[in-house]
């Protein structure tokens, strides 16, 4: 059953991109089901990046089901946002609800890799076109929130009480109502109807 589920999930992602040489999804995000905090290397990794999970055949459902946004489809994020190269990984919460949150999980060895014009242009565009939030860091460790109206919330500038409302211990990420546009469709519906064209020069790491 586990193998069938894994094969089905693999069949749902693009065959034009590969996880080879990258294991950031096993390092950057916190995985509550495994007791793994954000930024810590999974204890089950035992070798080279992309092929070193010692429990791969019996890995839990949360690992079977997860693919980062770069790996899911090649028509959204540019090739140069491959997590192992750019230093961060994008994941999202439930795509069948609104508002959605896309989380940027930085490589703990490169915590500010996201802070460059190329990446921030992508974050702002995703937030605008999908009427969602793009958070830097996993709650409650979120540092910045990109909003649909172009506003970027720097949580360090907020007093503790206000910050707690935007990034809570329960994993909730929020933003003021006025930053959102009128489109309240679930993210999965917005993804189907949106195309991206990134007219950006190659970044330094490409």
N, C-alpha and C. Protein backbone atom coordinates (compact mmCIF):
# COMPACT_ATOMS: atom_id res chain seq x y z
N UNK A 1 0.83 -1.20 0.00
CA UNK A 1 0.00 0.00 0.00
C UNK A 1 0.87 1.26 0.00
N UNK A 2 1.92 1.26 0.83
CA UNK A 2 2.81 2.41 0.91
C UNK A 2 3.50 2.66 -0.43
N UNK A 3 3.95 1.58 -1.07
CA UNK A 3 4.63 1.70 -2.36
C UNK A 3 3.67 2.22 -3.43
N UNK A 4 2.43 1.77 -3.40
CA UNK A 4 1.43 2.22 -4.37
C UNK A 4 1.14 3.70 -4.18
N UNK A 5 1.04 4.12 -2.92
CA UNK A 5 0.78 5.53 -2.64
C UNK A 5 1.94 6.40 -3.14
N UNK A 6 3.16 5.94 -2.90
CA UNK A 6 4.33 6.69 -3.33
C UNK A 6 4.38 6.79 -4.85
N UNK A 7 4.06 5.67 -5.53
CA UNK A 7 4.07 5.68 -7.00
C UNK A 7 3.00 6.61 -7.54
N UNK A 8 1.84 6.61 -6.92
CA UNK A 8 0.75 7.50 -7.35
C UNK A 8 1.15 8.96 -7.17
N UNK A 9 1.75 9.26 -6.02
CA UNK A 9 2.15 10.64 -5.75
C UNK A 9 3.23 11.09 -6.72
N UNK A 10 4.17 10.21 -7.03
CA UNK A 10 5.23 10.55 -7.98
C UNK A 10 4.66 10.82 -9.36
N UNK A 11 3.59 10.10 -9.71
CA UNK A 11 2.96 10.30 -11.00
C UNK A 11 2.22 11.63 -11.12
N UNK A 12 2.04 12.33 -9.99
CA UNK A 12 1.33 13.60 -9.99
C UNK A 12 2.26 14.80 -10.13
N UNK A 13 3.57 14.57 -10.12
CA UNK A 13 4.52 15.68 -10.24
C UNK A 13 5.19 15.63 -11.61
N UNK A 14 5.83 16.75 -11.97
CA UNK A 14 6.42 16.83 -13.30
C UNK A 14 7.60 15.87 -13.46
N UNK A 15 7.70 15.21 -14.60
CA UNK A 15 8.85 14.34 -14.86
C UNK A 15 10.06 15.12 -15.37
N UNK A 16 9.89 16.41 -15.57
CA UNK A 16 10.96 17.23 -16.15
C UNK A 16 11.91 17.80 -15.11
N UNK A 17 11.61 17.58 -13.84
CA UNK A 17 12.50 18.01 -12.77
C UNK A 17 12.73 16.86 -11.81
N UNK A 18 13.88 16.89 -11.16
CA UNK A 18 14.26 15.78 -10.30
C UNK A 18 14.71 16.28 -8.93
N UNK A 19 14.55 15.42 -7.92
CA UNK A 19 15.03 15.71 -6.58
C UNK A 19 16.50 15.32 -6.40
N UNK A 20 17.11 14.77 -7.44
CA UNK A 20 18.49 14.31 -7.34
C UNK A 20 19.42 15.43 -6.86
N UNK A 21 20.23 15.13 -5.88
CA UNK A 21 21.19 16.09 -5.37
C UNK A 21 20.62 17.11 -4.41
N UNK A 22 19.38 16.93 -3.99
CA UNK A 22 18.75 17.89 -3.09
C UNK A 22 17.98 17.15 -2.00
N UNK A 23 18.19 17.53 -0.77
CA UNK A 23 17.41 16.96 0.34
C UNK A 23 16.95 18.06 1.29
N UNK A 24 16.74 19.27 0.75
CA UNK A 24 16.36 20.40 1.60
C UNK A 24 15.03 20.17 2.31
N UNK A 25 14.12 19.38 1.70
CA UNK A 25 12.84 19.09 2.34
C UNK A 25 13.01 18.23 3.58
N UNK A 26 14.19 17.60 3.73
CA UNK A 26 14.49 16.78 4.90
C UNK A 26 15.29 17.56 5.94
N UNK A 27 15.55 18.83 5.65
CA UNK A 27 16.38 19.65 6.53
C UNK A 27 15.66 20.92 6.96
N UNK A 28 15.16 21.70 5.99
CA UNK A 28 14.66 23.05 6.27
C UNK A 28 13.33 23.07 7.05
N UNK A 29 12.29 22.37 6.61
CA UNK A 29 11.01 22.49 7.32
C UNK A 29 10.96 21.65 8.58
N UNK A 30 10.11 22.07 9.51
CA UNK A 30 9.82 21.24 10.66
C UNK A 30 8.80 20.18 10.27
N UNK A 31 8.96 18.99 10.80
CA UNK A 31 8.03 17.89 10.51
C UNK A 31 7.51 17.38 11.84
N UNK A 32 6.33 17.88 12.23
CA UNK A 32 5.80 17.57 13.56
C UNK A 32 5.56 16.09 13.76
N UNK A 33 5.14 15.40 12.68
CA UNK A 33 4.86 13.97 12.78
C UNK A 33 6.10 13.17 13.17
N UNK A 34 7.28 13.73 12.89
CA UNK A 34 8.53 13.03 13.20
C UNK A 34 9.29 13.70 14.33
N UNK A 35 8.68 14.75 14.92
CA UNK A 35 9.35 15.46 16.00
C UNK A 35 10.57 16.22 15.54
N UNK A 36 10.62 16.59 14.25
CA UNK A 36 11.78 17.29 13.71
C UNK A 36 11.52 18.79 13.65
N UNK A 37 12.30 19.59 14.35
CA UNK A 37 12.11 21.05 14.30
C UNK A 37 12.65 21.64 13.00
N UNK A 38 12.21 22.84 12.63
CA UNK A 38 12.73 23.50 11.43
C UNK A 38 14.24 23.71 11.51
N UNK A 39 14.89 23.53 10.38
CA UNK A 39 16.32 23.82 10.31
C UNK A 39 17.24 22.74 10.82
N UNK A 40 16.68 21.60 11.21
CA UNK A 40 17.52 20.50 11.68
C UNK A 40 17.48 19.35 10.69
N UNK A 41 18.62 18.81 10.40
CA UNK A 41 18.74 17.70 9.46
C UNK A 41 18.03 16.47 10.03
N UNK A 42 17.20 15.83 9.21
CA UNK A 42 16.49 14.64 9.66
C UNK A 42 17.49 13.56 10.07
N UNK A 43 17.23 12.93 11.19
CA UNK A 43 18.15 11.92 11.71
C UNK A 43 18.20 10.68 10.84
N UNK A 44 17.26 10.56 9.90
CA UNK A 44 17.24 9.39 9.02
C UNK A 44 18.09 9.57 7.77
N UNK A 45 18.65 10.75 7.56
CA UNK A 45 19.55 10.98 6.42
C UNK A 45 20.90 10.36 6.75
N UNK A 46 21.47 9.66 5.77
CA UNK A 46 22.69 8.91 6.07
C UNK A 46 23.75 9.02 4.97
N UNK A 47 23.55 9.89 3.98
CA UNK A 47 24.52 9.95 2.90
C UNK A 47 24.37 11.19 2.07
N UNK A 48 24.65 11.05 0.76
CA UNK A 48 24.61 12.17 -0.16
C UNK A 48 23.21 12.72 -0.37
N UNK A 49 23.15 14.01 -0.70
CA UNK A 49 21.86 14.68 -0.87
C UNK A 49 21.05 14.04 -1.99
N UNK A 50 19.77 13.85 -1.71
CA UNK A 50 18.84 13.35 -2.71
C UNK A 50 18.67 11.85 -2.77
N UNK A 51 19.50 11.11 -2.05
CA UNK A 51 19.39 9.65 -2.11
C UNK A 51 19.90 9.02 -0.82
N UNK A 52 19.58 9.63 0.31
CA UNK A 52 20.21 9.16 1.54
C UNK A 52 19.24 8.86 2.67
N UNK A 53 17.95 8.73 2.39
CA UNK A 53 16.99 8.42 3.44
C UNK A 53 17.10 6.95 3.82
N UNK A 54 17.45 6.69 5.07
CA UNK A 54 17.66 5.31 5.51
C UNK A 54 16.35 4.55 5.72
N UNK A 55 15.21 5.28 5.74
CA UNK A 55 13.92 4.62 5.93
C UNK A 55 13.01 4.87 4.72
N UNK A 56 13.61 5.08 3.56
CA UNK A 56 12.84 5.51 2.39
C UNK A 56 11.68 4.57 2.08
N UNK A 57 11.91 3.28 2.14
CA UNK A 57 10.86 2.31 1.80
C UNK A 57 9.71 2.33 2.79
N UNK A 58 9.99 2.75 4.02
CA UNK A 58 8.94 2.77 5.06
C UNK A 58 8.72 4.18 5.61
N UNK A 59 9.12 5.19 4.84
CA UNK A 59 8.97 6.58 5.30
C UNK A 59 7.52 6.91 5.56
N UNK A 60 7.24 7.83 6.49
CA UNK A 60 5.85 8.13 6.86
C UNK A 60 5.09 8.84 5.76
N UNK A 61 3.78 8.86 5.90
CA UNK A 61 2.88 9.44 4.91
C UNK A 61 3.23 10.90 4.60
N UNK A 62 3.59 11.67 5.62
CA UNK A 62 3.89 13.07 5.41
C UNK A 62 5.05 13.24 4.44
N UNK A 63 6.01 12.32 4.46
CA UNK A 63 7.15 12.38 3.55
C UNK A 63 6.77 11.89 2.15
N UNK A 64 5.94 10.87 2.09
CA UNK A 64 5.49 10.36 0.79
C UNK A 64 4.72 11.43 0.03
N UNK A 65 3.87 12.14 0.75
CA UNK A 65 2.97 13.10 0.11
C UNK A 65 3.63 14.42 -0.28
N UNK A 66 4.76 14.73 0.34
CA UNK A 66 5.31 16.07 0.13
C UNK A 66 6.24 16.17 -1.07
N UNK A 67 5.99 17.17 -1.89
CA UNK A 67 6.94 17.64 -2.90
C UNK A 67 6.92 19.15 -2.86
N UNK A 68 8.08 19.76 -2.99
CA UNK A 68 8.13 21.22 -2.97
C UNK A 68 7.53 21.79 -4.25
N UNK A 69 7.24 23.07 -4.23
CA UNK A 69 6.57 23.70 -5.37
C UNK A 69 7.43 23.63 -6.63
N UNK A 70 8.73 23.73 -6.50
CA UNK A 70 9.62 23.65 -7.67
C UNK A 70 9.51 22.28 -8.33
N UNK A 71 9.37 21.25 -7.53
CA UNK A 71 9.34 19.87 -8.05
C UNK A 71 7.97 19.47 -8.59
N UNK A 72 6.92 20.12 -8.10
CA UNK A 72 5.57 19.71 -8.48
C UNK A 72 5.28 19.98 -9.96
N UNK A 73 5.64 21.17 -10.43
CA UNK A 73 5.31 21.55 -11.80
C UNK A 73 6.38 22.52 -12.30
N UNK A 74 6.72 22.41 -13.58
CA UNK A 74 7.81 23.24 -14.10
C UNK A 74 7.32 24.56 -14.69
N UNK A 75 6.01 24.81 -14.68
CA UNK A 75 5.46 26.02 -15.29
C UNK A 75 5.21 27.15 -14.30
N UNK A 76 5.57 26.97 -13.05
CA UNK A 76 5.35 28.02 -12.05
C UNK A 76 6.68 28.66 -11.67
N UNK A 77 7.56 27.93 -11.04
CA UNK A 77 8.84 28.50 -10.61
C UNK A 77 9.90 28.31 -11.69
N UNK A 78 10.77 29.30 -11.88
CA UNK A 78 11.84 29.16 -12.87
C UNK A 78 12.84 28.09 -12.47
N UNK A 79 13.58 27.58 -13.44
CA UNK A 79 14.56 26.52 -13.18
C UNK A 79 15.56 26.94 -12.12
N UNK A 80 15.92 28.23 -12.10
CA UNK A 80 16.98 28.66 -11.18
C UNK A 80 16.54 28.74 -9.72
N UNK A 81 15.28 28.39 -9.43
CA UNK A 81 14.86 28.30 -8.03
C UNK A 81 14.90 26.86 -7.52
N UNK A 82 15.75 26.03 -8.14
CA UNK A 82 15.98 24.69 -7.60
C UNK A 82 16.50 24.85 -6.18
N UNK A 83 15.85 24.24 -5.19
CA UNK A 83 16.19 24.49 -3.78
C UNK A 83 17.66 24.32 -3.43
N UNK A 84 18.29 23.27 -3.93
CA UNK A 84 19.69 23.04 -3.57
C UNK A 84 20.60 24.15 -4.09
N UNK A 85 20.17 24.83 -5.14
CA UNK A 85 20.99 25.89 -5.74
C UNK A 85 20.70 27.26 -5.12
N UNK A 86 19.41 27.57 -4.95
CA UNK A 86 19.05 28.92 -4.51
C UNK A 86 19.11 29.09 -3.00
N UNK A 87 19.03 27.99 -2.25
CA UNK A 87 19.18 28.08 -0.80
C UNK A 87 17.88 28.14 -0.03
N UNK A 88 16.77 27.85 -0.66
CA UNK A 88 15.49 27.80 0.05
C UNK A 88 14.50 26.97 -0.76
N UNK A 89 13.44 26.56 -0.08
CA UNK A 89 12.44 25.69 -0.69
C UNK A 89 11.06 26.27 -0.44
N UNK A 90 10.17 26.17 -1.42
CA UNK A 90 8.80 26.65 -1.26
C UNK A 90 7.83 25.48 -1.09
N UNK A 91 7.01 25.56 -0.07
CA UNK A 91 5.94 24.59 0.13
C UNK A 91 4.66 25.33 0.40
N UNK A 92 3.50 24.65 0.32
CA UNK A 92 2.25 25.35 0.62
C UNK A 92 1.35 24.52 1.52
N UNK A 93 0.41 25.24 2.15
CA UNK A 93 -0.55 24.55 3.00
C UNK A 93 -1.67 23.98 2.12
N UNK A 94 -2.80 23.66 2.68
CA UNK A 94 -3.88 23.04 1.92
C UNK A 94 -4.27 23.90 0.72
N UNK A 95 -4.26 23.29 -0.45
CA UNK A 95 -4.58 24.04 -1.67
C UNK A 95 -6.07 24.14 -1.93
N UNK A 96 -6.88 23.49 -1.09
CA UNK A 96 -8.32 23.52 -1.32
C UNK A 96 -9.02 24.53 -0.42
N UNK A 97 -8.25 25.40 0.22
CA UNK A 97 -8.83 26.41 1.10
C UNK A 97 -8.29 27.79 0.76
N UNK A 98 -9.00 28.82 1.18
CA UNK A 98 -8.52 30.19 1.07
C UNK A 98 -8.63 30.85 2.44
N UNK A 99 -7.67 31.69 2.84
CA UNK A 99 -6.46 32.06 2.10
C UNK A 99 -5.36 31.02 2.26
N UNK A 100 -4.56 30.89 1.24
CA UNK A 100 -3.45 29.94 1.27
C UNK A 100 -2.19 30.65 1.73
N UNK A 101 -1.24 29.88 2.19
CA UNK A 101 0.07 30.40 2.58
C UNK A 101 1.15 29.56 1.92
N UNK A 102 2.02 30.22 1.19
CA UNK A 102 3.20 29.56 0.65
C UNK A 102 4.34 29.87 1.60
N UNK A 103 5.02 28.84 2.08
CA UNK A 103 6.09 29.02 3.04
C UNK A 103 7.44 28.84 2.37
N UNK A 104 8.31 29.82 2.58
CA UNK A 104 9.69 29.75 2.11
C UNK A 104 10.52 29.19 3.25
N UNK A 105 11.09 28.00 3.04
CA UNK A 105 11.90 27.34 4.06
C UNK A 105 13.38 27.53 3.71
N UNK A 106 14.08 28.44 4.38
CA UNK A 106 15.49 28.66 4.05
C UNK A 106 16.39 27.51 4.50
N UNK A 107 17.43 27.28 3.73
CA UNK A 107 18.50 26.37 4.13
C UNK A 107 19.12 26.95 5.40
N UNK A 108 19.19 26.20 6.49
CA UNK A 108 19.73 26.76 7.74
C UNK A 108 21.17 27.24 7.62
N UNK A 109 21.90 26.74 6.65
CA UNK A 109 23.28 27.21 6.45
C UNK A 109 23.32 28.49 5.61
N UNK A 110 22.17 28.85 5.00
CA UNK A 110 22.07 30.08 4.19
C UNK A 110 20.76 30.78 4.53
N UNK A 111 20.58 31.24 5.76
CA UNK A 111 19.28 31.75 6.21
C UNK A 111 18.77 32.97 5.45
N UNK A 112 19.67 33.74 4.82
CA UNK A 112 19.25 34.94 4.09
C UNK A 112 19.35 34.77 2.58
N UNK A 113 19.42 33.52 2.12
CA UNK A 113 19.54 33.27 0.68
C UNK A 113 18.33 33.80 -0.09
N UNK A 114 17.19 33.90 0.56
CA UNK A 114 15.97 34.37 -0.09
C UNK A 114 15.99 35.88 -0.34
N UNK A 115 16.87 36.60 0.35
CA UNK A 115 16.82 38.06 0.36
C UNK A 115 17.62 38.63 -0.81
N UNK A 116 17.08 38.48 -2.01
CA UNK A 116 17.70 39.02 -3.21
C UNK A 116 16.60 39.42 -4.18
N UNK A 117 16.86 40.29 -5.14
CA UNK A 117 15.81 40.80 -6.03
C UNK A 117 15.10 39.73 -6.84
N UNK A 118 15.82 38.69 -7.24
CA UNK A 118 15.22 37.65 -8.07
C UNK A 118 14.15 36.89 -7.27
N UNK A 119 14.54 36.40 -6.11
CA UNK A 119 13.61 35.62 -5.30
C UNK A 119 12.44 36.47 -4.82
N UNK A 120 12.72 37.69 -4.36
CA UNK A 120 11.65 38.52 -3.82
C UNK A 120 10.66 38.94 -4.90
N UNK A 121 11.11 39.05 -6.14
CA UNK A 121 10.18 39.31 -7.25
C UNK A 121 9.23 38.14 -7.43
N UNK A 122 9.76 36.92 -7.32
CA UNK A 122 8.92 35.72 -7.44
C UNK A 122 7.91 35.67 -6.30
N UNK A 123 8.35 35.93 -5.07
CA UNK A 123 7.45 35.87 -3.92
C UNK A 123 6.30 36.88 -4.09
N UNK A 124 6.64 38.10 -4.46
CA UNK A 124 5.63 39.14 -4.61
C UNK A 124 4.65 38.80 -5.72
N UNK A 125 5.14 38.21 -6.79
CA UNK A 125 4.28 37.85 -7.92
C UNK A 125 3.33 36.72 -7.56
N UNK A 126 3.84 35.71 -6.87
CA UNK A 126 2.97 34.61 -6.44
C UNK A 126 1.87 35.13 -5.52
N UNK A 127 2.24 35.98 -4.57
CA UNK A 127 1.26 36.53 -3.63
C UNK A 127 0.19 37.31 -4.37
N UNK A 128 0.59 38.11 -5.36
CA UNK A 128 -0.37 38.93 -6.10
C UNK A 128 -1.28 38.07 -6.96
N UNK A 129 -0.70 37.19 -7.76
CA UNK A 129 -1.50 36.43 -8.73
C UNK A 129 -2.39 35.39 -8.07
N UNK A 130 -1.95 34.84 -6.92
CA UNK A 130 -2.75 33.82 -6.25
C UNK A 130 -3.52 34.37 -5.06
N UNK A 131 -3.42 35.68 -4.81
CA UNK A 131 -4.11 36.31 -3.69
C UNK A 131 -3.86 35.53 -2.39
N UNK A 132 -2.60 35.26 -2.16
CA UNK A 132 -2.21 34.46 -0.99
C UNK A 132 -1.07 35.16 -0.26
N UNK A 133 -0.62 34.56 0.81
CA UNK A 133 0.52 35.06 1.56
C UNK A 133 1.74 34.20 1.27
N UNK A 134 2.89 34.83 1.21
CA UNK A 134 4.15 34.10 1.10
C UNK A 134 4.95 34.45 2.35
N UNK A 135 5.16 33.46 3.20
CA UNK A 135 5.85 33.71 4.46
C UNK A 135 7.28 33.21 4.39
N UNK A 136 8.19 34.01 4.93
CA UNK A 136 9.58 33.61 5.02
C UNK A 136 9.78 32.94 6.38
N UNK A 137 10.02 31.65 6.35
CA UNK A 137 10.18 30.89 7.59
C UNK A 137 8.87 30.30 8.05
N UNK A 138 8.97 29.21 8.72
CA UNK A 138 7.82 28.44 9.20
C UNK A 138 7.35 29.00 10.54
N UNK A 139 6.06 29.23 10.67
CA UNK A 139 5.51 29.75 11.92
C UNK A 139 5.79 28.77 13.06
N UNK A 140 6.17 29.29 14.22
CA UNK A 140 6.20 30.69 14.66
C UNK A 140 7.51 31.41 14.37
N UNK A 141 8.36 30.84 13.53
CA UNK A 141 9.64 31.47 13.23
C UNK A 141 9.60 32.34 11.99
N UNK A 142 8.42 32.72 11.54
CA UNK A 142 8.28 33.56 10.36
C UNK A 142 8.91 34.93 10.60
N UNK A 143 9.65 35.43 9.60
CA UNK A 143 10.29 36.74 9.74
C UNK A 143 9.63 37.81 8.87
N UNK A 144 9.14 37.42 7.69
CA UNK A 144 8.53 38.37 6.76
C UNK A 144 7.32 37.72 6.09
N UNK A 145 6.36 38.56 5.69
CA UNK A 145 5.19 38.07 4.97
C UNK A 145 4.97 38.95 3.74
N UNK A 146 4.99 38.34 2.56
CA UNK A 146 4.68 39.02 1.31
C UNK A 146 3.17 38.93 1.09
N UNK A 147 2.54 40.08 0.85
CA UNK A 147 1.08 40.16 0.74
C UNK A 147 0.63 40.42 -0.70
N UNK A 148 -0.62 40.09 -1.04
CA UNK A 148 -1.12 40.26 -2.41
C UNK A 148 -1.09 41.70 -2.92
N UNK A 149 -1.19 42.68 -2.04
CA UNK A 149 -1.21 44.08 -2.49
C UNK A 149 0.18 44.68 -2.62
N UNK A 150 1.22 43.86 -2.49
CA UNK A 150 2.59 44.33 -2.62
C UNK A 150 3.25 44.69 -1.31
N UNK A 151 2.49 44.69 -0.25
CA UNK A 151 3.04 45.01 1.07
C UNK A 151 3.91 43.84 1.57
N UNK A 152 5.05 44.17 2.15
CA UNK A 152 5.91 43.16 2.78
C UNK A 152 5.97 43.47 4.27
N UNK A 153 5.47 42.57 5.08
CA UNK A 153 5.44 42.76 6.52
C UNK A 153 6.72 42.21 7.12
N UNK A 154 7.48 43.08 7.78
CA UNK A 154 8.67 42.67 8.52
C UNK A 154 8.25 42.50 9.97
N UNK A 155 8.14 41.27 10.42
CA UNK A 155 7.61 41.02 11.75
C UNK A 155 8.50 41.57 12.86
N UNK A 156 9.77 41.81 12.54
CA UNK A 156 10.66 42.37 13.57
C UNK A 156 10.26 43.78 13.96
N UNK A 157 9.51 44.46 13.09
CA UNK A 157 9.10 45.84 13.38
C UNK A 157 7.79 45.91 14.14
N UNK A 158 7.16 44.78 14.39
CA UNK A 158 5.87 44.74 15.09
C UNK A 158 6.09 44.48 16.58
N UNK A 159 5.29 45.09 17.43
CA UNK A 159 5.37 44.76 18.86
C UNK A 159 4.95 43.30 19.09
N UNK A 160 5.39 42.70 20.18
CA UNK A 160 5.12 41.26 20.42
C UNK A 160 3.66 40.86 20.27
N UNK A 161 2.74 41.67 20.77
CA UNK A 161 1.32 41.29 20.71
C UNK A 161 0.83 41.26 19.27
N UNK A 162 1.24 42.25 18.47
CA UNK A 162 0.82 42.28 17.07
C UNK A 162 1.47 41.17 16.28
N UNK A 163 2.73 40.90 16.58
CA UNK A 163 3.44 39.82 15.90
C UNK A 163 2.79 38.47 16.19
N UNK A 164 2.36 38.28 17.42
CA UNK A 164 1.72 37.02 17.80
C UNK A 164 0.45 36.78 17.00
N UNK A 165 -0.24 37.85 16.63
CA UNK A 165 -1.47 37.70 15.84
C UNK A 165 -1.17 37.31 14.41
N UNK A 166 0.02 37.69 13.90
CA UNK A 166 0.38 37.41 12.52
C UNK A 166 1.09 36.08 12.36
N UNK A 167 1.82 35.66 13.36
CA UNK A 167 2.58 34.42 13.29
C UNK A 167 2.50 33.73 14.64
N UNK A 168 1.60 32.78 14.77
CA UNK A 168 1.32 32.18 16.07
C UNK A 168 2.00 30.85 16.31
N UNK A 169 2.05 30.46 17.58
CA UNK A 169 2.64 29.18 17.95
C UNK A 169 1.87 28.00 17.38
N UNK A 170 0.61 28.25 17.00
CA UNK A 170 -0.20 27.17 16.44
C UNK A 170 0.04 26.97 14.95
N UNK A 171 1.01 27.69 14.40
CA UNK A 171 1.31 27.55 12.98
C UNK A 171 0.53 28.46 12.08
N UNK A 172 -0.35 29.29 12.65
CA UNK A 172 -1.19 30.18 11.84
C UNK A 172 -0.39 31.38 11.35
N UNK A 173 -0.55 31.70 10.07
CA UNK A 173 0.03 32.91 9.49
C UNK A 173 -1.13 33.76 9.01
N UNK A 174 -1.16 35.02 9.42
CA UNK A 174 -2.25 35.89 9.02
C UNK A 174 -1.73 37.22 8.51
N UNK A 175 -2.64 38.07 8.08
CA UNK A 175 -2.31 39.40 7.60
C UNK A 175 -3.58 40.23 7.65
N UNK A 176 -3.46 41.55 7.66
CA UNK A 176 -4.66 42.40 7.67
C UNK A 176 -5.55 42.12 6.46
N UNK A 177 -6.84 42.21 6.64
CA UNK A 177 -7.80 41.90 5.57
C UNK A 177 -7.59 42.76 4.33
N UNK A 178 -7.15 44.01 4.53
CA UNK A 178 -7.07 44.92 3.39
C UNK A 178 -5.97 44.55 2.39
N UNK A 179 -5.06 43.66 2.75
CA UNK A 179 -3.98 43.32 1.82
C UNK A 179 -4.44 42.34 0.74
N UNK A 180 -5.61 41.73 0.94
CA UNK A 180 -6.09 40.73 -0.01
C UNK A 180 -6.93 41.34 -1.12
N UNK A 181 -6.92 40.67 -2.27
CA UNK A 181 -7.79 41.05 -3.37
C UNK A 181 -9.13 40.36 -3.26
N UNK A 182 -10.00 40.56 -4.27
CA UNK A 182 -11.36 40.00 -4.18
C UNK A 182 -11.47 38.51 -4.48
N UNK A 183 -10.45 37.91 -5.09
CA UNK A 183 -10.53 36.52 -5.50
C UNK A 183 -10.40 35.60 -4.29
N UNK A 184 -11.48 34.96 -3.91
CA UNK A 184 -11.47 34.08 -2.73
C UNK A 184 -11.51 32.60 -3.11
N UNK A 185 -11.14 32.28 -4.33
CA UNK A 185 -11.12 30.88 -4.74
C UNK A 185 -10.00 30.13 -4.03
N UNK A 186 -10.18 28.83 -3.81
CA UNK A 186 -9.08 28.03 -3.24
C UNK A 186 -7.86 28.10 -4.15
N UNK A 187 -6.69 27.89 -3.57
CA UNK A 187 -5.46 27.99 -4.33
C UNK A 187 -5.42 27.04 -5.50
N UNK A 188 -5.94 25.84 -5.35
CA UNK A 188 -5.88 24.86 -6.44
C UNK A 188 -6.59 25.38 -7.68
N UNK A 189 -7.66 26.12 -7.51
CA UNK A 189 -8.37 26.68 -8.66
C UNK A 189 -7.59 27.83 -9.27
N UNK A 190 -6.96 28.63 -8.45
CA UNK A 190 -6.15 29.73 -8.96
C UNK A 190 -4.92 29.22 -9.70
N UNK A 191 -4.32 28.14 -9.23
CA UNK A 191 -3.14 27.56 -9.87
C UNK A 191 -3.46 27.09 -11.28
N UNK A 192 -4.63 26.52 -11.46
CA UNK A 192 -5.00 25.98 -12.77
C UNK A 192 -5.16 27.06 -13.82
N UNK A 193 -5.51 28.26 -13.38
CA UNK A 193 -5.80 29.32 -14.34
C UNK A 193 -4.73 30.37 -14.43
N UNK A 194 -3.54 30.12 -13.89
CA UNK A 194 -2.49 31.15 -13.87
C UNK A 194 -1.23 30.63 -14.55
N UNK A 195 -0.68 31.44 -15.42
CA UNK A 195 0.60 31.13 -16.03
C UNK A 195 1.60 32.21 -15.64
N UNK A 196 2.85 31.85 -15.63
CA UNK A 196 3.90 32.78 -15.22
C UNK A 196 4.96 32.89 -16.30
N UNK A 197 5.43 34.10 -16.51
CA UNK A 197 6.54 34.35 -17.41
C UNK A 197 7.53 35.23 -16.67
N UNK A 198 8.69 34.68 -16.41
CA UNK A 198 9.67 35.38 -15.59
C UNK A 198 10.69 36.08 -16.46
N UNK A 199 10.47 37.34 -16.74
CA UNK A 199 11.39 38.13 -17.55
C UNK A 199 12.48 38.71 -16.66
N UNK A 200 13.28 37.82 -16.10
CA UNK A 200 14.34 38.22 -15.19
C UNK A 200 15.67 37.69 -15.70
N UNK A 201 16.73 38.45 -15.56
CA UNK A 201 18.05 37.93 -15.94
C UNK A 201 18.44 36.79 -15.01
N UNK A 202 19.32 35.90 -15.45
CA UNK A 202 19.74 34.81 -14.57
C UNK A 202 20.39 35.35 -13.30
N UNK A 203 20.06 34.75 -12.16
CA UNK A 203 20.67 35.19 -10.89
C UNK A 203 22.11 34.70 -10.78
N UNK A 204 22.86 35.20 -9.82
CA UNK A 204 24.27 34.83 -9.70
C UNK A 204 24.51 33.33 -9.53
N UNK A 205 23.57 32.62 -8.90
CA UNK A 205 23.81 31.21 -8.61
C UNK A 205 23.43 30.28 -9.76
N UNK A 206 22.78 30.83 -10.81
CA UNK A 206 22.32 29.98 -11.93
C UNK A 206 23.48 29.57 -12.83
